Amino acid sequence: MVAKNTVTSPPVMTGQKYPPDGRFVAFQEYNSRFVYVYSFETAELWTSEPYMQEDDVRDRVLGWDSNNQLYISRHFGNCDFSKMSQ
């Protein structure tokens, strides 16, 4: 995630996950399809938004490993179960 902004406080978060070193928080905003990473040290906010070309792609935070590496899941496509019965 390269796109970044400097913010004075992080946005409203859901699904927040903290790495073992506690320097960042990874999260989604409510009803968002992007992942954000906020740095407590620099007040920078990174997002996966610039890398989403399709409208039906969603990123979700899975968590951090013991080496402070972030893992996310990326879902492609809409879940429309109404078409299954046709």
PDB file of N, CA and C in Angstrom:
ATOM      1  N   MET A   1       0.840  -1.176   0.000  1.00  0.00           N
ATOM      2  CA  MET A   1       0.000   0.000   0.000  1.00  0.00           C
ATOM      3  C   MET A   1       0.884   1.237   0.000  1.00  0.00           C
ATOM      4  N   VAL A   2       0.810   2.007  -1.036  1.00  0.00           N
ATOM      5  CA  VAL A   2       1.688   3.154  -1.189  1.00  0.00           C
ATOM      6  C   VAL A   2       0.952   4.469  -0.984  1.00  0.00           C
ATOM      7  N   ALA A   3      -0.293   4.541  -1.377  1.00  0.00           N
ATOM      8  CA  ALA A   3      -1.032   5.794  -1.249  1.00  0.00           C
ATOM      9  C   ALA A   3      -1.133   6.169   0.214  1.00  0.00           C
ATOM     10  N   LYS A   4      -0.812   7.416   0.539  1.00  0.00           N
ATOM     11  CA  LYS A   4      -0.855   7.813   1.939  1.00  0.00           C
ATOM     12  C   LYS A   4      -1.273   9.263   2.072  1.00  0.00           C
ATOM     13  N   ASN A   5      -1.820   9.561   3.218  1.00  0.00           N
ATOM     14  CA  ASN A   5      -2.206  10.910   3.607  1.00  0.00           C
ATOM     15  C   ASN A   5      -1.791  11.100   5.053  1.00  0.00           C
ATOM     16  N   THR A   6      -1.564  12.329   5.442  1.00  0.00           N
ATOM     17  CA  THR A   6      -1.320  12.621   6.846  1.00  0.00           C
ATOM     18  C   THR A   6      -2.623  13.112   7.443  1.00  0.00           C
ATOM     19  N   VAL A   7      -3.003  12.515   8.561  1.00  0.00           N
ATOM     20  CA  VAL A   7      -4.267  12.857   9.199  1.00  0.00           C
ATOM     21  C   VAL A   7      -4.016  13.221  10.654  1.00  0.00           C
ATOM     22  N   THR A   8      -4.943  13.964  11.237  1.00  0.00           N
ATOM     23  CA  THR A   8      -4.786  14.356  12.632  1.00  0.00           C
ATOM     24  C   THR A   8      -5.324  13.303  13.579  1.00  0.00           C
ATOM     25  N   SER A   9      -6.273  12.516  13.120  1.00  0.00           N
ATOM     26  CA  SER A   9      -6.769  11.388  13.903  1.00  0.00           C
ATOM     27  C   SER A   9      -7.307  10.340  12.941  1.00  0.00           C
ATOM     28  N   PRO A  10      -7.232   9.062  13.337  1.00  0.00           N
ATOM     29  CA  PRO A  10      -7.707   8.026  12.427  1.00  0.00           C
ATOM     30  C   PRO A  10      -9.221   8.069  12.283  1.00  0.00           C
ATOM     31  N   PRO A  11      -9.756   7.613  11.142  1.00  0.00           N
ATOM     32  CA  PRO A  11     -11.206   7.596  10.953  1.00  0.00           C
ATOM     33  C   PRO A  11     -11.880   6.547  11.834  1.00  0.00           C
ATOM     34  N   VAL A  12     -13.206   6.515  11.812  1.00  0.00           N
ATOM     35  CA  VAL A  12     -13.958   5.506  12.553  1.00  0.00           C
ATOM     36  C   VAL A  12     -13.617   4.140  11.986  1.00  0.00           C
ATOM     37  N   MET A  13     -13.231   3.219  12.855  1.00  0.00           N
ATOM     38  CA  MET A  13     -12.691   1.944  12.399  1.00  0.00           C
ATOM     39  C   MET A  13     -13.600   0.781  12.756  1.00  0.00           C
ATOM     40  N   THR A  14     -13.521  -0.275  11.945  1.00  0.00           N
ATOM     41  CA  THR A  14     -14.096  -1.571  12.292  1.00  0.00           C
ATOM     42  C   THR A  14     -13.056  -2.626  11.990  1.00  0.00           C
ATOM     43  N   GLY A  15     -13.091  -3.711  12.716  1.00  0.00           N
ATOM     44  CA  GLY A  15     -12.172  -4.821  12.467  1.00  0.00           C
ATOM     45  C   GLY A  15     -10.718  -4.471  12.658  1.00  0.00           C
ATOM     46  N   GLN A  16     -10.420  -3.560  13.578  1.00  0.00           N
ATOM     47  CA  GLN A  16      -9.038  -3.125  13.722  1.00  0.00           C
ATOM     48  C   GLN A  16      -8.151  -4.223  14.304  1.00  0.00           C
ATOM     49  N   LYS A  17      -6.936  -4.275  13.777  1.00  0.00           N
ATOM     50  CA  LYS A  17      -5.920  -5.242  14.206  1.00  0.00           C
ATOM     51  C   LYS A  17      -4.616  -4.491  14.418  1.00  0.00           C
ATOM     52  N   TYR A  18      -3.922  -4.838  15.505  1.00  0.00           N
ATOM     53  CA  TYR A  18      -2.672  -4.186  15.863  1.00  0.00           C
ATOM     54  C   TYR A  18      -1.522  -5.179  15.742  1.00  0.00           C
ATOM     55  N   PRO A  19      -0.367  -4.738  15.200  1.00  0.00           N
ATOM     56  CA  PRO A  19       0.790  -5.630  15.120  1.00  0.00           C
ATOM     57  C   PRO A  19       1.428  -5.789  16.499  1.00  0.00           C
ATOM     58  N   PRO A  20       2.302  -6.775  16.653  1.00  0.00           N
ATOM     59  CA  PRO A  20       2.961  -6.968  17.955  1.00  0.00           C
ATOM     60  C   PRO A  20       3.722  -5.742  18.451  1.00  0.00           C
ATOM     61  N   ASP A  21       4.311  -4.948  17.541  1.00  0.00           N
ATOM     62  CA  ASP A  21       5.074  -3.779  17.993  1.00  0.00           C
ATOM     63  C   ASP A  21       4.184  -2.572  18.296  1.00  0.00           C
ATOM     64  N   GLY A  22       2.889  -2.632  17.952  1.00  0.00           N
ATOM     65  CA  GLY A  22       1.939  -1.578  18.309  1.00  0.00           C
ATOM     66  C   GLY A  22       2.113  -0.254  17.585  1.00  0.00           C
ATOM     67  N   ARG A  23       2.898  -0.199  16.523  1.00  0.00           N
ATOM     68  CA  ARG A  23       3.141   1.075  15.823  1.00  0.00           C
ATOM     69  C   ARG A  23       2.050   1.455  14.840  1.00  0.00           C
ATOM     70  N   PHE A  24       1.211   0.504  14.450  1.00  0.00           N
ATOM     71  CA  PHE A  24       0.192   0.732  13.428  1.00  0.00           C
ATOM     72  C   PHE A  24      -1.144   0.159  13.892  1.00  0.00           C
ATOM     73  N   VAL A  25      -2.185   0.498  13.158  1.00  0.00           N
ATOM     74  CA  VAL A  25      -3.454  -0.195  13.262  1.00  0.00           C
ATOM     75  C   VAL A  25      -3.969  -0.382  11.839  1.00  0.00           C
ATOM     76  N   ALA A  26      -4.397  -1.594  11.526  1.00  0.00           N
ATOM     77  CA  ALA A  26      -5.003  -1.897  10.228  1.00  0.00           C
ATOM     78  C   ALA A  26      -6.497  -2.067  10.457  1.00  0.00           C
ATOM     79  N   PHE A  27      -7.316  -1.557   9.536  1.00  0.00           N
ATOM     80  CA  PHE A  27      -8.760  -1.568   9.749  1.00  0.00           C
ATOM     81  C   PHE A  27      -9.507  -1.320   8.459  1.00  0.00           C
ATOM     82  N   GLN A  28     -10.807  -1.509   8.515  1.00  0.00           N
ATOM     83  CA  GLN A  28     -11.727  -1.069   7.476  1.00  0.00           C
ATOM     84  C   GLN A  28     -12.575   0.032   8.087  1.00  0.00           C
ATOM     85  N   GLU A  29     -13.008   0.979   7.272  1.00  0.00           N
ATOM     86  CA  GLU A  29     -14.025   1.916   7.725  1.00  0.00           C
ATOM     87  C   GLU A  29     -15.372   1.227   7.588  1.00  0.00           C
ATOM     88  N   TYR A  30     -16.334   1.656   8.373  1.00  0.00           N
ATOM     89  CA  TYR A  30     -17.665   1.068   8.303  1.00  0.00           C
ATOM     90  C   TYR A  30     -18.180   1.162   6.871  1.00  0.00           C
ATOM     91  N   ASN A  31     -18.652   0.048   6.339  1.00  0.00           N
ATOM     92  CA  ASN A  31     -19.244  -0.041   4.997  1.00  0.00           C
ATOM     93  C   ASN A  31     -18.261   0.346   3.887  1.00  0.00           C
ATOM     94  N   SER A  32     -16.993   0.068   4.084  1.00  0.00           N
ATOM     95  CA  SER A  32     -15.974   0.352   3.071  1.00  0.00           C
ATOM     96  C   SER A  32     -15.456  -0.957   2.501  1.00  0.00           C
ATOM     97  N   ARG A  33     -14.910  -0.897   1.310  1.00  0.00           N
ATOM     98  CA  ARG A  33     -14.333  -2.097   0.714  1.00  0.00           C
ATOM     99  C   ARG A  33     -12.814  -2.048   0.693  1.00  0.00           C
ATOM    100  N   PHE A  34     -12.236  -1.084   1.366  1.00  0.00           N
ATOM    101  CA  PHE A  34     -10.788  -0.891   1.352  1.00  0.00           C
ATOM    102  C   PHE A  34     -10.189  -1.164   2.724  1.00  0.00           C
ATOM    103  N   VAL A  35      -8.912  -1.491   2.728  1.00  0.00           N
ATOM    104  CA  VAL A  35      -8.140  -1.637   3.960  1.00  0.00           C
ATOM    105  C   VAL A  35      -7.328  -0.366   4.173  1.00  0.00           C
ATOM    106  N   TYR A  36      -7.238   0.062   5.403  1.00  0.00           N
ATOM    107  CA  TYR A  36      -6.444   1.231   5.780  1.00  0.00           C
ATOM    108  C   TYR A  36      -5.425   0.815   6.833  1.00  0.00           C
ATOM    109  N   VAL A  37      -4.265   1.461   6.800  1.00  0.00           N
ATOM    110  CA  VAL A  37      -3.250   1.264   7.824  1.00  0.00           C
ATOM    111  C   VAL A  37      -2.837   2.641   8.313  1.00  0.00           C
ATOM    112  N   TYR A  38      -2.968   2.849   9.621  1.00  0.00           N
ATOM    113  CA  TYR A  38      -2.640   4.128  10.248  1.00  0.00           C
ATOM    114  C   TYR A  38      -1.379   3.973  11.084  1.00  0.00           C
ATOM    115  N   SER A  39      -0.439   4.912  10.937  1.00  0.00           N
ATOM    116  CA  SER A  39       0.791   4.920  11.719  1.00  0.00           C
ATOM    117  C   SER A  39       0.630   5.867  12.906  1.00  0.00           C
ATOM    118  N   PHE A  40       0.790   5.338  14.102  1.00  0.00           N
ATOM    119  CA  PHE A  40       0.723   6.179  15.294  1.00  0.00           C
ATOM    120  C   PHE A  40       1.936   7.099  15.406  1.00  0.00           C
ATOM    121  N   GLU A  41       3.065   6.695  14.822  1.00  0.00           N
ATOM    122  CA  GLU A  41       4.292   7.487  14.900  1.00  0.00           C
ATOM    123  C   GLU A  41       4.276   8.706  13.986  1.00  0.00           C
ATOM    124  N   THR A  42       3.752   8.540  12.760  1.00  0.00           N
ATOM    125  CA  THR A  42       3.833   9.620  11.762  1.00  0.00           C
ATOM    126  C   THR A  42       2.477  10.216  11.394  1.00  0.00           C
ATOM    127  N   ALA A  43       1.395   9.627  11.899  1.00  0.00           N
ATOM    128  CA  ALA A  43       0.023  10.055  11.576  1.00  0.00           C
ATOM    129  C   ALA A  43      -0.278   9.904  10.084  1.00  0.00           C
ATOM    130  N   GLU A  44       0.421   8.993   9.407  1.00  0.00           N
ATOM    131  CA  GLU A  44       0.142   8.720   8.000  1.00  0.00           C
ATOM    132  C   GLU A  44      -0.912   7.627   7.898  1.00  0.00           C
ATOM    133  N   LEU A  45      -1.732   7.737   6.858  1.00  0.00           N
ATOM    134  CA  LEU A  45      -2.785   6.765   6.601  1.00  0.00           C
ATOM    135  C   LEU A  45      -2.589   6.198   5.204  1.00  0.00           C
ATOM    136  N   TRP A  46      -2.351   4.888   5.111  1.00  0.00           N
ATOM    137  CA  TRP A  46      -2.215   4.207   3.829  1.00  0.00           C
ATOM    138  C   TRP A  46      -3.516   3.493   3.523  1.00  0.00           C
ATOM    139  N   THR A  47      -3.831   3.342   2.241  1.00  0.00           N
ATOM    140  CA  THR A  47      -5.061   2.657   1.841  1.00  0.00           C
ATOM    141  C   THR A  47      -4.826   1.782   0.621  1.00  0.00           C
ATOM    142  N   SER A  48      -5.654   0.746   0.484  1.00  0.00           N
ATOM    143  CA  SER A  48      -5.597  -0.118  -0.692  1.00  0.00           C
ATOM    144  C   SER A  48      -6.455   0.419  -1.834  1.00  0.00           C
ATOM    145  N   GLU A  49      -7.155   1.513  -1.626  1.00  0.00           N
ATOM    146  CA  GLU A  49      -8.100   2.061  -2.603  1.00  0.00           C
ATOM    147  C   GLU A  49      -7.520   2.279  -3.998  1.00  0.00           C
ATOM    148  N   PRO A  50      -6.332   2.863  -4.158  1.00  0.00           N
ATOM    149  CA  PRO A  50      -5.826   3.129  -5.516  1.00  0.00           C
ATOM    150  C   PRO A  50      -5.596   1.868  -6.348  1.00  0.00           C
ATOM    151  N   TYR A  51      -5.552   0.711  -5.703  1.00  0.00           N
ATOM    152  CA  TYR A  51      -5.264  -0.533  -6.406  1.00  0.00           C
ATOM    153  C   TYR A  51      -6.525  -1.315  -6.737  1.00  0.00           C
ATOM    154  N   MET A  52      -7.693  -0.714  -6.518  1.00  0.00           N
ATOM    155  CA  MET A  52      -8.965  -1.371  -6.778  1.00  0.00           C
ATOM    156  C   MET A  52      -9.555  -0.812  -8.062  1.00  0.00           C
ATOM    157  N   GLN A  53      -9.423  -1.537  -9.133  1.00  0.00           N
ATOM    158  CA  GLN A  53      -9.962  -1.081 -10.410  1.00  0.00           C
ATOM    159  C   GLN A  53     -11.413  -1.500 -10.598  1.00  0.00           C
ATOM    160  N   GLU A  54     -11.784  -2.657 -10.054  1.00  0.00           N
ATOM    161  CA  GLU A  54     -13.133  -3.178 -10.232  1.00  0.00           C
ATOM    162  C   GLU A  54     -14.024  -2.750  -9.071  1.00  0.00           C
ATOM    163  N   ASP A  55     -15.316  -2.602  -9.351  1.00  0.00           N
ATOM    164  CA  ASP A  55     -16.272  -2.212  -8.318  1.00  0.00           C
ATOM    165  C   ASP A  55     -16.635  -3.349  -7.381  1.00  0.00           C
ATOM    166  N   ASP A  56     -16.426  -4.591  -7.806  1.00  0.00           N
ATOM    167  CA  ASP A  56     -16.859  -5.724  -6.996  1.00  0.00           C
ATOM    168  C   ASP A  56     -15.707  -6.416  -6.274  1.00  0.00           C
ATOM    169  N   VAL A  57     -14.707  -5.646  -5.869  1.00  0.00           N
ATOM    170  CA  VAL A  57     -13.568  -6.169  -5.122  1.00  0.00           C
ATOM    171  C   VAL A  57     -13.609  -5.586  -3.714  1.00  0.00           C
ATOM    172  N   ARG A  58     -13.359  -6.444  -2.707  1.00  0.00           N
ATOM    173  CA  ARG A  58     -13.335  -6.001  -1.312  1.00  0.00           C
ATOM    174  C   ARG A  58     -12.079  -6.545  -0.638  1.00  0.00           C
ATOM    175  N   ASP A  59     -11.438  -5.716   0.158  1.00  0.00           N
ATOM    176  CA  ASP A  59     -10.307  -6.136   0.982  1.00  0.00           C
ATOM    177  C   ASP A  59     -10.757  -6.212   2.430  1.00  0.00           C
ATOM    178  N   ARG A  60     -10.187  -7.151   3.175  1.00  0.00           N
ATOM    179  CA  ARG A  60     -10.465  -7.302   4.595  1.00  0.00           C
ATOM    180  C   ARG A  60      -9.165  -7.583   5.326  1.00  0.00           C
ATOM    181  N   VAL A  61      -9.041  -7.054   6.530  1.00  0.00           N
ATOM    182  CA  VAL A  61      -7.867  -7.282   7.365  1.00  0.00           C
ATOM    183  C   VAL A  61      -7.980  -8.654   8.013  1.00  0.00           C
ATOM    184  N   LEU A  62      -6.946  -9.480   7.837  1.00  0.00           N
ATOM    185  CA  LEU A  62      -6.893 -10.764   8.528  1.00  0.00           C
ATOM    186  C   LEU A  62      -6.122 -10.643   9.832  1.00  0.00           C
ATOM    187  N   GLY A  63      -5.000  -9.940   9.795  1.00  0.00           N
ATOM    188  CA  GLY A  63      -4.207  -9.763  11.009  1.00  0.00           C
ATOM    189  C   GLY A  63      -2.731  -9.599  10.699  1.00  0.00           C
ATOM    190  N   TRP A  64      -1.953  -9.541  11.743  1.00  0.00           N
ATOM    191  CA  TRP A  64      -0.512  -9.369  11.654  1.00  0.00           C
ATOM    192  C   TRP A  64       0.176 -10.637  12.152  1.00  0.00           C
ATOM    193  N   ASP A  65       1.332 -10.961  11.584  1.00  0.00           N
ATOM    194  CA  ASP A  65       2.083 -12.094  12.114  1.00  0.00           C
ATOM    195  C   ASP A  65       3.096 -11.603  13.142  1.00  0.00           C
ATOM    196  N   SER A  66       3.878 -12.515  13.679  1.00  0.00           N
ATOM    197  CA  SER A  66       4.829 -12.171  14.745  1.00  0.00           C
ATOM    198  C   SER A  66       5.969 -11.284  14.256  1.00  0.00           C
ATOM    199  N   ASN A  67       6.135 -11.153  12.930  1.00  0.00           N
ATOM    200  CA  ASN A  67       7.163 -10.280  12.342  1.00  0.00           C
ATOM    201  C   ASN A  67       6.592  -8.960  11.862  1.00  0.00           C
ATOM    202  N   ASN A  68       5.391  -8.611  12.316  1.00  0.00           N
ATOM    203  CA  ASN A  68       4.725  -7.355  11.976  1.00  0.00           C
ATOM    204  C   ASN A  68       4.375  -7.246  10.494  1.00  0.00           C
ATOM    205  N   GLN A  69       4.126  -8.372   9.841  1.00  0.00           N
ATOM    206  CA  GLN A  69       3.678  -8.388   8.451  1.00  0.00           C
ATOM    207  C   GLN A  69       2.154  -8.452   8.446  1.00  0.00           C
ATOM    208  N   LEU A  70       1.529  -7.604   7.656  1.00  0.00           N
ATOM    209  CA  LEU A  70       0.076  -7.529   7.575  1.00  0.00           C
ATOM    210  C   LEU A  70      -0.451  -8.503   6.528  1.00  0.00           C
ATOM    211  N   TYR A  71      -1.541  -9.185   6.869  1.00  0.00           N
ATOM    212  CA  TYR A  71      -2.212 -10.089   5.938  1.00  0.00           C
ATOM    213  C   TYR A  71      -3.628  -9.584   5.717  1.00  0.00           C
ATOM    214  N   ILE A  72      -4.009  -9.521   4.433  1.00  0.00           N
ATOM    215  CA  ILE A  72      -5.369  -9.128   4.073  1.00  0.00           C
ATOM    216  C   ILE A  72      -5.948 -10.175   3.134  1.00  0.00           C
ATOM    217  N   SER A  73      -7.260 -10.211   3.034  1.00  0.00           N
ATOM    218  CA  SER A  73      -7.904 -11.057   2.032  1.00  0.00           C
ATOM    219  C   SER A  73      -8.550 -10.145   1.007  1.00  0.00           C
ATOM    220  N   ARG A  74      -8.570 -10.597  -0.219  1.00  0.00           N
ATOM    221  CA  ARG A  74      -9.194  -9.838  -1.305  1.00  0.00           C
ATOM    222  C   ARG A  74     -10.261 -10.716  -1.940  1.00  0.00           C
ATOM    223  N   HIS A  75     -11.468 -10.219  -1.985  1.00  0.00           N
ATOM    224  CA  HIS A  75     -12.608 -10.954  -2.527  1.00  0.00           C
ATOM    225  C   HIS A  75     -13.000 -10.328  -3.859  1.00  0.00           C
ATOM    226  N   PHE A  76     -13.121 -11.154  -4.876  1.00  0.00           N
ATOM    227  CA  PHE A  76     -13.534 -10.707  -6.208  1.00  0.00           C
ATOM    228  C   PHE A  76     -14.944 -11.203  -6.483  1.00  0.00           C
ATOM    229  N   GLY A  77     -15.812 -10.316  -6.913  1.00  0.00           N
ATOM    230  CA  GLY A  77     -17.164 -10.694  -7.300  1.00  0.00           C
ATOM    231  C   GLY A  77     -18.185 -10.444  -6.217  1.00  0.00           C
ATOM    232  N   ASN A  78     -19.422 -10.324  -6.646  1.00  0.00           N
ATOM    233  CA  ASN A  78     -20.536 -10.123  -5.725  1.00  0.00           C
ATOM    234  C   ASN A  78     -21.147 -11.458  -5.356  1.00  0.00           C
ATOM    235  N   CYS A  79     -21.646 -11.553  -4.160  1.00  0.00           N
ATOM    236  CA  CYS A  79     -22.348 -12.753  -3.704  1.00  0.00           C
ATOM    237  C   CYS A  79     -23.841 -12.516  -3.905  1.00  0.00           C
ATOM    238  N   ASP A  80     -24.347 -12.949  -5.036  1.00  0.00           N
ATOM    239  CA  ASP A  80     -25.768 -12.787  -5.333  1.00  0.00           C
ATOM    240  C   ASP A  80     -26.388 -14.177  -5.407  1.00  0.00           C
ATOM    241  N   PHE A  81     -26.918 -14.640  -4.271  1.00  0.00           N
ATOM    242  CA  PHE A  81     -27.486 -15.965  -4.197  1.00  0.00           C
ATOM    243  C   PHE A  81     -28.852 -16.072  -4.868  1.00  0.00           C
ATOM    244  N   SER A  82     -29.465 -14.951  -5.211  1.00  0.00           N
ATOM    245  CA  SER A  82     -30.777 -14.997  -5.858  1.00  0.00           C
ATOM    246  C   SER A  82     -30.698 -15.644  -7.236  1.00  0.00           C
ATOM    247  N   LYS A  83     -29.545 -15.578  -7.880  1.00  0.00           N
ATOM    248  CA  LYS A  83     -29.382 -16.164  -9.211  1.00  0.00           C
ATOM    249  C   LYS A  83     -29.183 -17.674  -9.166  1.00  0.00           C
ATOM    250  N   MET A  84     -28.911 -18.231  -7.990  1.00  0.00           N
ATOM    251  CA  MET A  84     -28.663 -19.669  -7.880  1.00  0.00           C
ATOM    252  C   MET A  84     -29.933 -20.487  -8.090  1.00  0.00           C
ATOM    253  N   SER A  85     -31.081 -19.940  -7.756  1.00  0.00           N
ATOM    254  CA  SER A  85     -32.328 -20.704  -7.863  1.00  0.00           C
ATOM    255  C   SER A  85     -32.924 -20.660  -9.264  1.00  0.00           C
ATOM    256  N   GLN A  86     -32.323 -19.930 -10.166  1.00  0.00           N
ATOM    257  CA  GLN A  86     -32.869 -19.810 -11.528  1.00  0.00           C
ATOM    258  C   GLN A  86     -32.411 -20.937 -12.410  1.00  0.00           C
TER     259      GLN A  86
END
